[in-house]
Each structure stands twice: as structure tokens, then as C-alpha cells.
């Protein structure tokens, strides 16, 4: 997958904008750039698969708070989401396709 500087920059911004704007920021970049760049399209799909999967994990953790294990799980899910987003942003800027671990593939690449 050949990448340009702009492809790498927009892919990185897709992840970084997910911190203040978890849906709107990445969605705008992905919708504007996916036709012109396979690299941005790949990272956009990966991000939304990640977002949907970790939303499901968060909801499951909240439900499991009834059994008290959810308090530990919610912390693990939150830390994992933060760390994996930073790793994905760095990999995107390096021009490397990053595959998130533990992610359900809702949107196929």
C-alpha cells in the first residue's frame, strides 16, 4: 500500500481527533478522504471497527459491575482503548497498516 505524506497525516489525525470527538472527527476525515486514499480508507474502517467493539466491551463492563468484576474491566478497557489509539496513530503516521487486537470486523477491509 503506497502512501503519501498527506495519507499518513490524515490517517494519524483520524485517531487523534477521536479523543475530543470520538465519532464526528474520524467520520469527517474518513468520508472526505476514503475515495482518494486506500490508506485512509483502511484506517477509517479499522478505527470504526475498534470504536464499535470497544463500545460493546464498555457496555458489557458496566453490566458486569453488578458482579463487581466490571469495575476492574472498565478500567482495563479504558486504558487499552487509550493506549491502542496512540499506537495506531503512531503506526499510521509511519505509514504502517495497524490491525487492532481484540476487534470484531464489522466493516470489512
C-alpha atoms as a PDB file:
ATOM      1  CA  UNK A   1       0.000   0.000   0.000  1.00  0.00           C
ATOM      2  CA  UNK A   2       1.820   3.115  -1.237  1.00  0.00           C
ATOM      3  CA  UNK A   3       1.269   6.125   0.998  1.00  0.00           C
ATOM      4  CA  UNK A   4       1.902   9.819   0.650  1.00  0.00           C
ATOM      5  CA  UNK A   5       2.682  12.281   3.425  1.00  0.00           C
ATOM      6  CA  UNK A   6      -0.931  13.526   3.280  1.00  0.00           C
ATOM      7  CA  UNK A   7      -2.301   9.975   3.578  1.00  0.00           C
ATOM      8  CA  UNK A   8      -0.222   9.346   6.671  1.00  0.00           C
ATOM      9  CA  UNK A   9      -1.117  12.718   8.189  1.00  0.00           C
ATOM     10  CA  UNK A  10      -4.865  12.298   7.677  1.00  0.00           C
ATOM     11  CA  UNK A  11      -4.740   8.727   8.991  1.00  0.00           C
ATOM     12  CA  UNK A  12      -2.958   9.930  12.126  1.00  0.00           C
ATOM     13  CA  UNK A  13      -5.425  12.816  12.550  1.00  0.00           C
ATOM     14  CA  UNK A  14      -8.265  10.333  12.286  1.00  0.00           C
ATOM     15  CA  UNK A  15      -7.044   8.717  15.508  1.00  0.00           C
ATOM     16  CA  UNK A  16      -6.005  11.904  17.295  1.00  0.00           C
ATOM     17  CA  UNK A  17      -9.349  13.602  16.654  1.00  0.00           C
ATOM     18  CA  UNK A  18     -11.046  10.610  18.229  1.00  0.00           C
ATOM     19  CA  UNK A  19     -10.022  11.879  21.676  1.00  0.00           C
ATOM     20  CA  UNK A  20     -12.108  15.079  21.684  1.00  0.00           C
ATOM     21  CA  UNK A  21     -14.638  13.932  19.035  1.00  0.00           C
ATOM     22  CA  UNK A  22     -14.937  10.101  19.106  1.00  0.00           C
ATOM     23  CA  UNK A  23     -17.360   9.796  16.189  1.00  0.00           C
ATOM     24  CA  UNK A  24     -17.571  13.088  14.318  1.00  0.00           C
ATOM     25  CA  UNK A  25     -13.841  13.838  13.872  1.00  0.00           C
ATOM     26  CA  UNK A  26     -12.807  10.456  12.434  1.00  0.00           C
ATOM     27  CA  UNK A  27     -16.019  10.186  10.413  1.00  0.00           C
ATOM     28  CA  UNK A  28     -15.465  13.517   8.639  1.00  0.00           C
ATOM     29  CA  UNK A  29     -11.861  12.651   7.725  1.00  0.00           C
ATOM     30  CA  UNK A  30     -12.796   9.147   6.612  1.00  0.00           C
ATOM     31  CA  UNK A  31     -15.735  10.284   4.466  1.00  0.00           C
ATOM     32  CA  UNK A  32     -13.734  13.068   2.818  1.00  0.00           C
ATOM     33  CA  UNK A  33     -10.558  11.078   2.117  1.00  0.00           C
ATOM     34  CA  UNK A  34     -11.604   7.440   1.659  1.00  0.00           C
ATOM     35  CA  UNK A  35     -12.198   7.723  -2.081  1.00  0.00           C
ATOM     36  CA  UNK A  36      -8.805   9.277  -2.765  1.00  0.00           C
ATOM     37  CA  UNK A  37      -6.687   7.125  -0.479  1.00  0.00           C
ATOM     38  CA  UNK A  38      -6.805   3.401   0.227  1.00  0.00           C
ATOM     39  CA  UNK A  39      -4.588   4.003   3.272  1.00  0.00           C
ATOM     40  CA  UNK A  40      -7.019   6.478   4.878  1.00  0.00           C
ATOM     41  CA  UNK A  41      -9.913   4.166   3.963  1.00  0.00           C
ATOM     42  CA  UNK A  42      -8.159   1.240   5.676  1.00  0.00           C
ATOM     43  CA  UNK A  43      -7.507   3.227   8.870  1.00  0.00           C
ATOM     44  CA  UNK A  44     -11.033   4.643   8.874  1.00  0.00           C
ATOM     45  CA  UNK A  45     -12.520   1.152   8.735  1.00  0.00           C
ATOM     46  CA  UNK A  46     -10.119  -0.072  11.396  1.00  0.00           C
ATOM     47  CA  UNK A  47     -10.984   2.849  13.685  1.00  0.00           C
ATOM     48  CA  UNK A  48     -14.736   2.312  13.431  1.00  0.00           C
ATOM     49  CA  UNK A  49     -14.371  -1.444  13.978  1.00  0.00           C
ATOM     50  CA  UNK A  50     -12.291  -0.564  17.044  1.00  0.00           C
ATOM     51  CA  UNK A  51     -14.829   2.008  18.245  1.00  0.00           C
ATOM     52  CA  UNK A  52     -17.819  -0.322  17.890  1.00  0.00           C
ATOM     53  CA  UNK A  53     -16.001  -3.245  19.519  1.00  0.00           C
ATOM     54  CA  UNK A  54     -14.761  -1.233  22.487  1.00  0.00           C
ATOM     55  CA  UNK A  55     -18.213   0.312  22.944  1.00  0.00           C
ATOM     56  CA  UNK A  56     -19.585  -3.225  23.257  1.00  0.00           C
ATOM     57  CA  UNK A  57     -16.812  -4.106  25.744  1.00  0.00           C
ATOM     58  CA  UNK A  58     -17.598  -0.973  27.770  1.00  0.00           C
ATOM     59  CA  UNK A  59     -21.318  -1.776  27.922  1.00  0.00           C
ATOM     60  CA  UNK A  60     -20.520  -5.359  28.984  1.00  0.00           C
ATOM     61  CA  UNK A  61     -18.205  -3.998  31.703  1.00  0.00           C
ATOM     62  CA  UNK A  62     -20.951  -1.719  33.019  1.00  0.00           C
ATOM     63  CA  UNK A  63     -23.360  -4.650  33.131  1.00  0.00           C
ATOM     64  CA  UNK A  64     -20.753  -6.767  34.950  1.00  0.00           C
ATOM     65  CA  UNK A  65     -20.415  -4.090  37.629  1.00  0.00           C
ATOM     66  CA  UNK A  66     -23.307  -5.904  39.272  1.00  0.00           C
ATOM     67  CA  UNK A  67     -20.846  -8.736  39.928  1.00  0.00           C
ATOM     68  CA  UNK A  68     -18.101  -6.261  40.894  1.00  0.00           C
ATOM     69  CA  UNK A  69     -15.714  -7.569  38.211  1.00  0.00           C
ATOM     70  CA  UNK A  70     -16.960  -4.814  35.913  1.00  0.00           C
ATOM     71  CA  UNK A  71     -15.087  -2.183  37.931  1.00  0.00           C
ATOM     72  CA  UNK A  72     -11.797  -3.823  37.010  1.00  0.00           C
ATOM     73  CA  UNK A  73     -12.857  -4.493  33.432  1.00  0.00           C
ATOM     74  CA  UNK A  74     -13.947  -0.900  32.771  1.00  0.00           C
ATOM     75  CA  UNK A  75     -10.516   0.334  33.850  1.00  0.00           C
ATOM     76  CA  UNK A  76      -8.768  -2.220  31.633  1.00  0.00           C
ATOM     77  CA  UNK A  77     -10.982  -1.359  28.649  1.00  0.00           C
ATOM     78  CA  UNK A  78     -10.393   2.376  29.119  1.00  0.00           C
ATOM     79  CA  UNK A  79      -6.620   2.059  29.396  1.00  0.00           C
ATOM     80  CA  UNK A  80      -6.463  -0.367  26.467  1.00  0.00           C
ATOM     81  CA  UNK A  81      -8.526   1.963  24.276  1.00  0.00           C
ATOM     82  CA  UNK A  82      -6.280   4.927  25.090  1.00  0.00           C
ATOM     83  CA  UNK A  83      -3.012   3.046  24.537  1.00  0.00           C
ATOM     84  CA  UNK A  84      -4.175   1.319  21.352  1.00  0.00           C
ATOM     85  CA  UNK A  85      -5.376   4.621  19.880  1.00  0.00           C
ATOM     86  CA  UNK A  86      -1.954   6.196  20.487  1.00  0.00           C
ATOM     87  CA  UNK A  87      -0.183   3.177  18.970  1.00  0.00           C
ATOM     88  CA  UNK A  88      -2.485   3.274  15.936  1.00  0.00           C
ATOM     89  CA  UNK A  89      -1.838   6.999  15.423  1.00  0.00           C
ATOM     90  CA  UNK A  90       1.931   6.458  15.515  1.00  0.00           C
ATOM     91  CA  UNK A  91       1.733   3.477  13.147  1.00  0.00           C
ATOM     92  CA  UNK A  92      -0.498   5.426  10.762  1.00  0.00           C
ATOM     93  CA  UNK A  93       1.991   8.290  10.657  1.00  0.00           C
ATOM     94  CA  UNK A  94       4.778   5.795   9.978  1.00  0.00           C
ATOM     95  CA  UNK A  95       2.776   4.503   7.005  1.00  0.00           C
ATOM     96  CA  UNK A  96       2.145   1.090   8.534  1.00  0.00           C
ATOM     97  CA  UNK A  97      -1.304  -0.545   8.391  1.00  0.00           C
ATOM     98  CA  UNK A  98      -2.192  -1.309  12.026  1.00  0.00           C
ATOM     99  CA  UNK A  99      -4.576  -4.108  12.999  1.00  0.00           C
ATOM    100  CA  UNK A 100      -6.181  -3.639  16.422  1.00  0.00           C
ATOM    101  CA  UNK A 101      -6.171  -6.717  18.669  1.00  0.00           C
ATOM    102  CA  UNK A 102      -9.487  -7.986  20.084  1.00  0.00           C
ATOM    103  CA  UNK A 103     -11.553  -6.157  17.485  1.00  0.00           C
ATOM    104  CA  UNK A 104     -14.614  -7.581  15.762  1.00  0.00           C
ATOM    105  CA  UNK A 105     -14.550  -6.885  12.000  1.00  0.00           C
ATOM    106  CA  UNK A 106     -17.940  -5.238  11.400  1.00  0.00           C
ATOM    107  CA  UNK A 107     -16.659  -3.251   8.409  1.00  0.00           C
ATOM    108  CA  UNK A 108     -14.540  -5.445   6.134  1.00  0.00           C
ATOM    109  CA  UNK A 109     -11.272  -4.089   4.728  1.00  0.00           C
END
